Amino acid sequence: MTDNPMPIADSGKTWWREREIVVLILLIGAAYSLRLGDLTLRGEETRRALVGFEMMENGDWIVPRVQGDPLLSRPPLQNWVIAASTVILGSREAWVLRLHSGLAMLLTTLLIYGYARTCLSRLGALTAAVAFATLGEMFENGNKAETEMLFITLVSASLILWHWGMVSGWPEMRTWMISYVLVALGILCKGPQAPFYFAASVGVYLIWTRQVRRLFTWAHLAGILVGTAIVLAWAIPCMLMTSWAEMKAIIMNDSASRFRDWRILDVVSHLVQFPLEVLGCTLPWSLLLVAFAWRDCRRMLGQARPQALFMGLCLVLAFPTCWLPPGGQTRYFAPLYPCLAVLIGMVVECCLKADVSAVLRTIWRRYVQFLIVAMVTFGAGVVLAALFLAGNAKFSPWAEPLPSALGYAIALFLLAGLVFRCRHGTDSRNIGITVLAIASFMVLISTGIMTNIRVRRAENQAIAVAQLKQRLPEGHRLVSFGQIDSVFAFYYCLPIPALPFPPAAADLPAGEDTCFCFNAYNGSVPTLPFAWEELAVLPMDRNHHAIPERTVVVGRVKRTRLD
């Protein structure tokens, strides 16, 4: 075994031609593209799509709107991307709306590989890229029509490309400008997290490494000016069309809300829970990071020290912004997961070296043993669920059909056997097989079994709304009292004018063909000041519940309404 079984790239190496790139493309295709449209639209997906559709219909590409009213939640970059996807592909199906997230996942994965090749072997870089793509939480964010995956790409790319340029000797002007363009796009995607993470990480890194002078160069100033110009190109027209307060709210509302109304018990509880949640969301790869607690691992970093320092600083500086506020969620920290993945690749790289310490060897062996147990446990669990939960009124969605369950179990047992055969090896072949087996395990569990469960549990609002439209009176007009649930509005497809809630009798349009809808929660229907008849109650929950938590009530005004 040699120190570097796969040579580390130099500055002129064409890493994008390495066969590992093909492996990564196939992995992303299997994990995030094959089932892109299987799951019903959920969460904020429909709202983000509706904003894009409304932009296409009214020609206003500046102010995000829903039912004609400004949506004071996030700038419009993702809405532009969704609108472009639907125009280019000529469809509004779920896979089209989610396509940009899948592409962002692919770009981020390749970016991690390329950056890691500045200091790691091909196997170390492959591990970093594979680890990011198969982190537990990334299966939740990596193929949704929401802002998370696009934002993760922009934020992580601004950090990684900046440091890549610095360690590889790129022209400073180009490096700063590319990074600030990405920061500006991050602002237009989700708000102020992008500039804070970039400024804090870059500033502290340059101070730490005694390169403060880089902060006071014309190249840095040019980057700031370019990024500022991109943001102002949207912000100024938005402010002129609305107001300063509304434009500021579009950028700041979502981020600022988590820093309000802190209660001491909530803060303490979050301080304890959040690190555990991050650990759980980044399994199984994050377990390897324990190696950095030992000096042996840090000592063996070698030429990867600058990258390890910068990745570590990015994580340490960003973590408190999500850890301290009680409203912080793991997805807010997800833009730093690429940094986490690079560090994971470094741990595996250390295990490849000829002088690997007994501590690192033990950590790797225990990690592999844990994975073998996990694979066997999941394989047995899916079969037991098929045998004992099938037919159960409450838990049957969690059970695969028995033939399918047996297929998954066999695949998981084979992966466990493969890892078992490689458990003692710390050479590139055995570790490479183990890394790809872990990735396959995560794809089978998340893209296969867990997606099947979500599909079986999901409400199908598309069918429910289509059936409703067939029952509504011919030539009817539908209005909503208040802003209607975005899932209903998305599948209804036609404009729904919004009236005040609660409505007055005088607010209703004249005519006997007037229908209306409003949101109701937990089965509670508010009293309306006119006579009406209920036409339908449609559940809007992500998953089926015996008593829906969120519903849309559709009704019709009776002829004898109170005037």
Foldseek 3Di string as FASTA:
>chain_A
DAQFPFDFDALPDPVCPDCLLVVLVVLLCLQAPPCLQLADADDCLLVLQQQLVVCVVPVDQQFRDDLRHGDLFAANPLSVVLNVQCVVVVDDGRSSLQVVLSVLLSVLLVLQLVLLSNQFGNLLSSQLSLLLCLQQCCSVRRRHSALLSVLLSLLLCLLSQLVSCVVSVNPLLVSLQVSLLSLLVSLNRGADPRVVLRCQLVCVLCVVVVNNVSCVDVSNVNNPVNSVVSNCVRLVVNCVVPHPVSSVSSRPVVLVVLVPDDDPVLQVVLLVVVVVQLPNRSPDLLLLVVVVVDVLLVVQSPPCVSLLVSLVSSLVVCVCSQRRRSPRDNSSSSSSSSSVSSVSSSLLSLLAGPCRDPVSLVSQLVSLVVLLVVLQVVLVVQQVCCVPVCPPPPRNLLHDPNVVSNVLSVLSNVLSVLSVVLSNDSHSVSVSSNSVSVSVSSSCVSVNNVVSSLSSFFDDVLVVLVVLVVVQDPPAAEEEAPRADSVNVSSVVDNHNYDHPPDAPVRFDDDQRYKYKYKDAQPDDDDHQWDKDWDDKAADHGGDDPGGGIIMTMIGGDPRIDD
